[in-house]
Amino acid sequence: MAFELTPWKPFRELSAIRDETHKIWNRFFREGALEPSQGAWAPALDVSETKDNIVVKAEIPGMDAKNIEISLSGDILTIKGEKKQEKEEKDEDYHLVDRSYGSFYRSIHLPQEVQGNKITAKCKDGILKIDMPKSEKAKAKEIKIKAE
């Protein structure tokens, strides 16, 4: 019985691993989410853009605004907080507990540079709305064409 020796080429394997890693990172950052969630639940987000603002809306039903923190570091917006569970009554027998509780954080990469000192946040009807004015250099400039 004859055995055939095959040369081992470790750099070919490392190259394949590097390529797969690049694909994962590129997909990860292209989708805009850095940290989807930490904890048992995380609020759903909408990120939109107007001519002058980046707007983030987060669903936070039943949460008190004092239990939410918002921070901006570079172009990363982070929302974190805690939804506390209501105190259980001793004489109640639960048939279903479907609501989520606990701490969370969401970090997202903003599509444009914003003015951090002019960010406003409001909470109404279970929706947290964060308005972030774009920086002057991030705003699109209209160029007029002169007819000759």
N, C-alpha and C. Protein backbone atom coordinates (compact mmCIF):
# COMPACT_ATOMS: atom_id res chain seq x y z
N MET A 1 0.84 -1.16 0.00
CA MET A 1 0.00 0.00 0.00
C MET A 1 0.90 1.23 0.00
N ALA A 2 0.65 2.11 -0.94
CA ALA A 2 1.47 3.32 -1.07
C ALA A 2 0.69 4.53 -0.56
N PHE A 3 1.36 5.36 0.18
CA PHE A 3 0.77 6.60 0.68
C PHE A 3 1.35 7.77 -0.09
N GLU A 4 0.51 8.70 -0.38
CA GLU A 4 0.95 9.88 -1.10
C GLU A 4 1.05 11.05 -0.11
N LEU A 5 2.18 11.71 -0.13
CA LEU A 5 2.37 12.85 0.75
C LEU A 5 1.89 14.12 0.05
N THR A 6 1.14 14.90 0.79
CA THR A 6 0.66 16.17 0.27
C THR A 6 1.31 17.28 1.08
N PRO A 7 1.94 18.20 0.40
CA PRO A 7 2.59 19.27 1.17
C PRO A 7 1.55 20.15 1.87
N TRP A 8 1.86 20.53 3.08
CA TRP A 8 0.98 21.40 3.86
C TRP A 8 1.36 22.84 3.57
N LYS A 9 0.38 23.64 3.23
CA LYS A 9 0.61 25.04 2.92
C LYS A 9 -0.22 25.89 3.89
N PRO A 10 0.37 26.18 5.06
CA PRO A 10 -0.40 26.89 6.10
C PRO A 10 -0.83 28.29 5.68
N PHE A 11 -0.06 28.95 4.84
CA PHE A 11 -0.43 30.32 4.46
C PHE A 11 -1.67 30.35 3.58
N ARG A 12 -1.91 29.29 2.82
CA ARG A 12 -3.14 29.21 2.02
C ARG A 12 -4.35 29.15 2.95
N GLU A 13 -4.24 28.36 4.03
CA GLU A 13 -5.33 28.27 4.99
C GLU A 13 -5.53 29.60 5.72
N LEU A 14 -4.45 30.26 6.09
CA LEU A 14 -4.56 31.55 6.75
C LEU A 14 -5.19 32.59 5.84
N SER A 15 -4.86 32.53 4.57
CA SER A 15 -5.44 33.45 3.60
C SER A 15 -6.95 33.26 3.52
N ALA A 16 -7.40 32.02 3.52
CA ALA A 16 -8.84 31.74 3.46
C ALA A 16 -9.54 32.24 4.73
N ILE A 17 -8.92 32.05 5.87
CA ILE A 17 -9.49 32.53 7.13
C ILE A 17 -9.56 34.06 7.12
N ARG A 18 -8.49 34.71 6.64
CA ARG A 18 -8.48 36.18 6.56
C ARG A 18 -9.61 36.68 5.66
N ASP A 19 -9.80 36.03 4.51
CA ASP A 19 -10.85 36.45 3.59
C ASP A 19 -12.23 36.31 4.22
N GLU A 20 -12.48 35.23 4.92
CA GLU A 20 -13.77 35.03 5.58
C GLU A 20 -13.98 36.06 6.69
N THR A 21 -12.91 36.36 7.42
CA THR A 21 -13.00 37.37 8.48
C THR A 21 -13.35 38.73 7.90
N HIS A 22 -12.72 39.09 6.78
CA HIS A 22 -13.03 40.36 6.12
C HIS A 22 -14.49 40.41 5.68
N LYS A 23 -14.99 39.32 5.15
CA LYS A 23 -16.39 39.28 4.72
C LYS A 23 -17.33 39.50 5.90
N ILE A 24 -17.04 38.86 7.02
CA ILE A 24 -17.88 39.00 8.21
C ILE A 24 -17.87 40.43 8.72
N TRP A 25 -16.68 41.03 8.86
CA TRP A 25 -16.58 42.41 9.34
C TRP A 25 -17.26 43.38 8.39
N ASN A 26 -17.06 43.20 7.11
CA ASN A 26 -17.69 44.10 6.14
C ASN A 26 -19.21 44.03 6.21
N ARG A 27 -19.76 42.83 6.32
CA ARG A 27 -21.20 42.68 6.42
C ARG A 27 -21.70 43.28 7.74
N PHE A 28 -20.94 43.06 8.80
CA PHE A 28 -21.28 43.55 10.12
C PHE A 28 -21.40 45.07 10.14
N PHE A 29 -20.41 45.78 9.59
CA PHE A 29 -20.44 47.24 9.62
C PHE A 29 -21.33 47.83 8.54
N ARG A 30 -21.50 47.17 7.43
CA ARG A 30 -22.36 47.67 6.37
C ARG A 30 -23.81 47.73 6.84
N GLU A 31 -24.21 46.79 7.69
CA GLU A 31 -25.59 46.77 8.19
C GLU A 31 -25.82 47.84 9.25
N GLY A 32 -24.76 48.49 9.73
CA GLY A 32 -24.93 49.63 10.62
C GLY A 32 -24.94 49.31 12.10
N ALA A 33 -25.12 48.10 12.48
CA ALA A 33 -25.19 47.78 13.90
C ALA A 33 -23.83 47.35 14.41
N LEU A 34 -23.43 47.91 15.53
CA LEU A 34 -22.19 47.49 16.14
C LEU A 34 -22.46 46.46 17.22
N GLU A 35 -23.34 46.79 18.12
CA GLU A 35 -23.73 45.87 19.17
C GLU A 35 -25.24 45.75 19.15
N PRO A 36 -25.79 44.66 18.66
CA PRO A 36 -27.24 44.59 18.57
C PRO A 36 -27.93 44.66 19.91
N SER A 37 -27.35 44.05 20.92
CA SER A 37 -28.05 44.05 22.19
C SER A 37 -27.17 43.44 23.26
N GLN A 38 -27.38 43.85 24.47
CA GLN A 38 -26.74 43.20 25.60
C GLN A 38 -27.84 42.97 26.61
N GLY A 39 -28.16 41.76 26.89
CA GLY A 39 -29.22 41.47 27.84
C GLY A 39 -30.32 40.67 27.19
N ALA A 40 -31.44 40.58 27.90
CA ALA A 40 -32.54 39.74 27.45
C ALA A 40 -33.35 40.38 26.32
N TRP A 41 -33.30 41.69 26.21
CA TRP A 41 -34.11 42.35 25.18
C TRP A 41 -33.41 43.64 24.75
N ALA A 42 -33.86 44.19 23.68
CA ALA A 42 -33.35 45.48 23.19
C ALA A 42 -34.47 46.16 22.42
N PRO A 43 -34.57 47.48 22.53
CA PRO A 43 -35.63 48.19 21.81
C PRO A 43 -35.39 48.17 20.31
N ALA A 44 -36.47 48.07 19.55
CA ALA A 44 -36.38 48.16 18.09
C ALA A 44 -36.07 49.60 17.73
N LEU A 45 -35.26 49.80 16.67
CA LEU A 45 -34.85 51.14 16.26
C LEU A 45 -35.21 51.42 14.82
N ASP A 46 -35.49 52.69 14.54
CA ASP A 46 -35.58 53.21 13.18
C ASP A 46 -34.56 54.33 13.09
N VAL A 47 -33.75 54.34 12.04
CA VAL A 47 -32.79 55.42 11.81
C VAL A 47 -33.14 56.03 10.46
N SER A 48 -33.42 57.33 10.46
CA SER A 48 -33.78 58.01 9.22
C SER A 48 -32.95 59.28 9.08
N GLU A 49 -33.04 59.86 7.90
CA GLU A 49 -32.25 61.04 7.60
C GLU A 49 -33.10 62.05 6.85
N THR A 50 -33.03 63.30 7.27
CA THR A 50 -33.65 64.40 6.54
C THR A 50 -32.52 65.26 5.98
N LYS A 51 -32.89 66.36 5.38
CA LYS A 51 -31.87 67.26 4.81
C LYS A 51 -30.91 67.75 5.89
N ASP A 52 -31.44 68.03 7.09
CA ASP A 52 -30.63 68.64 8.14
C ASP A 52 -30.35 67.75 9.35
N ASN A 53 -31.07 66.63 9.50
CA ASN A 53 -30.96 65.83 10.72
C ASN A 53 -30.83 64.34 10.45
N ILE A 54 -30.25 63.65 11.45
CA ILE A 54 -30.34 62.20 11.57
C ILE A 54 -31.33 61.97 12.71
N VAL A 55 -32.31 61.11 12.50
CA VAL A 55 -33.34 60.87 13.51
C VAL A 55 -33.34 59.38 13.88
N VAL A 56 -33.28 59.11 15.17
CA VAL A 56 -33.37 57.74 15.67
C VAL A 56 -34.62 57.65 16.53
N LYS A 57 -35.44 56.63 16.26
CA LYS A 57 -36.62 56.36 17.08
C LYS A 57 -36.47 54.97 17.68
N ALA A 58 -36.70 54.86 18.97
CA ALA A 58 -36.58 53.59 19.67
C ALA A 58 -37.87 53.29 20.41
N GLU A 59 -38.33 52.05 20.31
CA GLU A 59 -39.53 51.62 21.04
C GLU A 59 -39.14 51.26 22.46
N ILE A 60 -39.69 52.01 23.41
CA ILE A 60 -39.39 51.75 24.82
C ILE A 60 -40.67 51.75 25.66
N PRO A 61 -41.66 50.95 25.30
CA PRO A 61 -42.93 50.97 26.02
C PRO A 61 -42.74 50.59 27.49
N GLY A 62 -43.43 51.35 28.33
CA GLY A 62 -43.41 51.06 29.77
C GLY A 62 -42.14 51.48 30.48
N MET A 63 -41.24 52.18 29.80
CA MET A 63 -39.99 52.59 30.44
C MET A 63 -40.07 54.04 30.88
N ASP A 64 -39.39 54.33 31.95
CA ASP A 64 -39.27 55.69 32.45
C ASP A 64 -38.01 56.30 31.83
N ALA A 65 -38.11 57.54 31.36
CA ALA A 65 -36.98 58.21 30.70
C ALA A 65 -35.76 58.31 31.61
N LYS A 66 -35.96 58.35 32.92
CA LYS A 66 -34.81 58.46 33.84
C LYS A 66 -33.99 57.17 33.88
N ASN A 67 -34.52 56.08 33.33
CA ASN A 67 -33.79 54.81 33.29
C ASN A 67 -33.07 54.59 31.96
N ILE A 68 -32.96 55.64 31.14
CA ILE A 68 -32.34 55.53 29.82
C ILE A 68 -31.18 56.52 29.74
N GLU A 69 -30.05 56.06 29.18
CA GLU A 69 -28.89 56.92 28.95
C GLU A 69 -28.59 56.92 27.46
N ILE A 70 -28.25 58.10 26.93
CA ILE A 70 -27.87 58.25 25.53
C ILE A 70 -26.49 58.89 25.50
N SER A 71 -25.60 58.33 24.68
CA SER A 71 -24.27 58.92 24.56
C SER A 71 -23.81 58.87 23.10
N LEU A 72 -22.90 59.78 22.77
CA LEU A 72 -22.33 59.85 21.43
C LEU A 72 -20.82 59.89 21.57
N SER A 73 -20.16 58.97 20.88
CA SER A 73 -18.71 58.94 20.86
C SER A 73 -18.27 58.83 19.41
N GLY A 74 -17.78 59.93 18.85
CA GLY A 74 -17.44 59.96 17.43
C GLY A 74 -18.72 59.84 16.63
N ASP A 75 -18.82 58.77 15.82
CA ASP A 75 -20.03 58.54 15.04
C ASP A 75 -20.82 57.34 15.54
N ILE A 76 -20.61 56.99 16.81
CA ILE A 76 -21.31 55.87 17.44
C ILE A 76 -22.29 56.40 18.48
N LEU A 77 -23.58 56.16 18.24
CA LEU A 77 -24.63 56.52 19.19
C LEU A 77 -24.96 55.29 20.02
N THR A 78 -25.00 55.46 21.33
CA THR A 78 -25.32 54.35 22.23
C THR A 78 -26.52 54.72 23.08
N ILE A 79 -27.47 53.80 23.12
CA ILE A 79 -28.65 53.94 23.97
C ILE A 79 -28.62 52.77 24.93
N LYS A 80 -28.65 53.06 26.23
CA LYS A 80 -28.68 51.96 27.19
C LYS A 80 -29.63 52.30 28.32
N GLY A 81 -30.12 51.26 28.95
CA GLY A 81 -31.06 51.48 30.04
C GLY A 81 -31.50 50.18 30.66
N GLU A 82 -32.52 50.30 31.46
CA GLU A 82 -33.05 49.11 32.14
C GLU A 82 -34.56 49.24 32.26
N LYS A 83 -35.24 48.19 31.86
CA LYS A 83 -36.69 48.10 32.02
C LYS A 83 -36.93 47.20 33.23
N LYS A 84 -37.46 47.81 34.27
CA LYS A 84 -37.62 47.07 35.53
C LYS A 84 -38.95 46.33 35.55
N GLN A 85 -38.88 45.13 36.12
CA GLN A 85 -40.09 44.31 36.23
C GLN A 85 -40.95 44.82 37.37
N GLU A 86 -42.25 44.80 37.11
CA GLU A 86 -43.19 45.23 38.15
C GLU A 86 -43.19 44.21 39.27
N LYS A 87 -43.49 44.69 40.45
CA LYS A 87 -43.54 43.81 41.61
C LYS A 87 -44.70 42.83 41.47
N GLU A 88 -44.42 41.56 41.69
CA GLU A 88 -45.48 40.55 41.57
C GLU A 88 -46.34 40.54 42.83
N GLU A 89 -47.61 40.33 42.62
CA GLU A 89 -48.53 40.19 43.74
C GLU A 89 -48.49 38.72 44.20
N LYS A 90 -48.49 38.54 45.49
CA LYS A 90 -48.38 37.17 46.04
C LYS A 90 -49.60 36.31 45.73
N ASP A 91 -50.76 36.91 45.58
CA ASP A 91 -51.97 36.12 45.38
C ASP A 91 -52.32 35.94 43.90
N GLU A 92 -51.41 36.29 42.98
CA GLU A 92 -51.68 36.13 41.56
C GLU A 92 -50.99 34.87 41.03
N ASP A 93 -51.71 34.13 40.20
CA ASP A 93 -51.12 33.01 39.49
C ASP A 93 -51.04 33.40 38.03
N TYR A 94 -49.83 33.48 37.51
CA TYR A 94 -49.64 33.90 36.12
C TYR A 94 -49.83 32.73 35.17
N HIS A 95 -50.55 32.95 34.09
CA HIS A 95 -50.72 31.96 33.04
C HIS A 95 -49.73 32.19 31.91
N LEU A 96 -49.31 33.46 31.75
CA LEU A 96 -48.38 33.82 30.69
C LEU A 96 -47.62 35.07 31.09
N VAL A 97 -46.30 35.02 30.94
CA VAL A 97 -45.46 36.20 31.14
C VAL A 97 -44.65 36.35 29.85
N ASP A 98 -45.03 37.34 29.05
CA ASP A 98 -44.45 37.48 27.71
C ASP A 98 -43.66 38.77 27.55
N ARG A 99 -43.75 39.67 28.52
CA ARG A 99 -43.03 40.93 28.41
C ARG A 99 -41.58 40.75 28.83
N SER A 100 -40.70 41.54 28.20
CA SER A 100 -39.27 41.44 28.47
C SER A 100 -38.83 42.51 29.46
N TYR A 101 -37.87 42.16 30.30
CA TYR A 101 -37.34 43.06 31.31
C TYR A 101 -35.83 42.91 31.34
N GLY A 102 -35.20 43.87 31.98
CA GLY A 102 -33.76 43.79 32.18
C GLY A 102 -33.04 44.94 31.51
N SER A 103 -31.72 44.89 31.58
CA SER A 103 -30.92 45.97 31.01
C SER A 103 -30.63 45.69 29.54
N PHE A 104 -30.31 46.74 28.81
CA PHE A 104 -30.03 46.63 27.39
C PHE A 104 -29.06 47.72 26.98
N TYR A 105 -28.44 47.54 25.83
CA TYR A 105 -27.79 48.65 25.15
C TYR A 105 -27.79 48.39 23.66
N ARG A 106 -27.88 49.45 22.91
CA ARG A 106 -27.82 49.41 21.45
C ARG A 106 -26.80 50.45 21.03
N SER A 107 -25.87 50.08 20.19
CA SER A 107 -24.90 51.02 19.63
C SER A 107 -25.03 50.96 18.12
N ILE A 108 -25.13 52.13 17.50
CA ILE A 108 -25.25 52.17 16.05
C ILE A 108 -24.27 53.18 15.47
N HIS A 109 -23.81 52.85 14.30
CA HIS A 109 -22.91 53.72 13.54
C HIS A 109 -23.78 54.70 12.76
N LEU A 110 -23.59 56.00 13.01
CA LEU A 110 -24.39 57.01 12.33
C LEU A 110 -23.89 57.21 10.90
N PRO A 111 -24.81 57.41 9.96
CA PRO A 111 -24.41 57.53 8.55
C PRO A 111 -23.76 58.87 8.20
N GLN A 112 -23.91 59.88 9.05
CA GLN A 112 -23.34 61.21 8.81
C GLN A 112 -22.78 61.74 10.12
N GLU A 113 -21.86 62.70 10.02
CA GLU A 113 -21.34 63.38 11.21
C GLU A 113 -22.42 64.32 11.74
N VAL A 114 -22.59 64.36 13.06
CA VAL A 114 -23.62 65.20 13.68
C VAL A 114 -22.99 66.18 14.66
N GLN A 115 -23.77 67.19 15.02
CA GLN A 115 -23.35 68.19 16.01
C GLN A 115 -23.75 67.67 17.39
N GLY A 116 -22.81 67.11 18.10
CA GLY A 116 -23.08 66.47 19.38
C GLY A 116 -23.67 67.39 20.43
N ASN A 117 -23.34 68.68 20.38
CA ASN A 117 -23.83 69.61 21.39
C ASN A 117 -25.25 70.09 21.12
N LYS A 118 -25.85 69.69 20.00
CA LYS A 118 -27.21 70.12 19.66
C LYS A 118 -28.21 68.96 19.57
N ILE A 119 -27.84 67.81 20.10
CA ILE A 119 -28.73 66.65 20.08
C ILE A 119 -29.85 66.84 21.08
N THR A 120 -31.08 66.49 20.67
CA THR A 120 -32.23 66.54 21.58
C THR A 120 -32.88 65.17 21.61
N ALA A 121 -33.48 64.84 22.75
CA ALA A 121 -34.18 63.56 22.90
C ALA A 121 -35.50 63.81 23.62
N LYS A 122 -36.57 63.18 23.09
CA LYS A 122 -37.90 63.30 23.68
C LYS A 122 -38.51 61.92 23.75
N CYS A 123 -39.36 61.73 24.75
CA CYS A 123 -40.05 60.45 24.90
C CYS A 123 -41.55 60.71 24.97
N LYS A 124 -42.30 60.07 24.06
CA LYS A 124 -43.75 60.24 24.04
C LYS A 124 -44.39 58.94 23.56
N ASP A 125 -45.40 58.48 24.28
CA ASP A 125 -46.17 57.29 23.91
C ASP A 125 -45.29 56.07 23.67
N GLY A 126 -44.27 55.90 24.49
CA GLY A 126 -43.41 54.72 24.38
C GLY A 126 -42.39 54.77 23.26
N ILE A 127 -42.21 55.94 22.64
CA ILE A 127 -41.22 56.10 21.57
C ILE A 127 -40.21 57.15 22.00
N LEU A 128 -38.95 56.78 22.03
CA LEU A 128 -37.86 57.71 22.29
C LEU A 128 -37.39 58.23 20.94
N LYS A 129 -37.42 59.56 20.76
CA LYS A 129 -37.00 60.18 19.50
C LYS A 129 -35.76 61.02 19.76
N ILE A 130 -34.69 60.73 19.03
CA ILE A 130 -33.43 61.45 19.17
C ILE A 130 -33.18 62.20 17.86
N ASP A 131 -33.14 63.53 17.92
CA ASP A 131 -32.85 64.38 16.76
C ASP A 131 -31.41 64.84 16.84
N MET A 132 -30.66 64.59 15.78
CA MET A 132 -29.25 64.96 15.74
C MET A 132 -28.97 65.80 14.51
N PRO A 133 -28.74 67.12 14.69
CA PRO A 133 -28.44 67.96 13.54
C PRO A 133 -27.13 67.54 12.88
N LYS A 134 -27.13 67.48 11.56
CA LYS A 134 -25.91 67.13 10.84
C LYS A 134 -24.91 68.27 10.97
N SER A 135 -23.63 67.93 10.91
CA SER A 135 -22.61 68.97 10.90
C SER A 135 -22.67 69.69 9.56
N GLU A 136 -22.17 70.89 9.52
CA GLU A 136 -22.23 71.69 8.28
C GLU A 136 -21.51 70.99 7.14
N LYS A 137 -20.38 70.35 7.42
CA LYS A 137 -19.65 69.70 6.33
C LYS A 137 -20.33 68.41 5.86
N ALA A 138 -21.23 67.84 6.69
CA ALA A 138 -21.94 66.62 6.30
C ALA A 138 -23.18 66.92 5.45
N LYS A 139 -23.67 68.16 5.51
CA LYS A 139 -24.86 68.51 4.75
C LYS A 139 -24.53 68.59 3.26
N ALA A 140 -25.46 68.12 2.45
CA ALA A 140 -25.27 68.17 1.00
C ALA A 140 -25.34 69.61 0.53
N LYS A 141 -24.43 69.99 -0.32
CA LYS A 141 -24.42 71.34 -0.88
C LYS A 141 -24.99 71.31 -2.29
N GLU A 142 -25.87 72.26 -2.55
CA GLU A 142 -26.45 72.36 -3.89
C GLU A 142 -25.57 73.28 -4.72
N ILE A 143 -25.22 72.84 -5.90
CA ILE A 143 -24.37 73.62 -6.79
C ILE A 143 -25.22 74.09 -7.97
N LYS A 144 -25.31 75.37 -8.12
CA LYS A 144 -26.11 75.93 -9.21
C LYS A 144 -25.28 75.94 -10.50
N ILE A 145 -25.96 75.67 -11.60
CA ILE A 145 -25.31 75.65 -12.91
C ILE A 145 -25.64 76.94 -13.62
N LYS A 146 -24.62 77.60 -14.10
CA LYS A 146 -24.81 78.84 -14.84
C LYS A 146 -24.97 78.53 -16.31
N ALA A 147 -26.00 79.05 -16.89
CA ALA A 147 -26.22 78.87 -18.33
C ALA A 147 -25.46 79.95 -19.09
N GLU A 148 -24.80 79.57 -20.15
CA GLU A 148 -24.04 80.53 -20.97
C GLU A 148 -24.73 80.77 -22.28
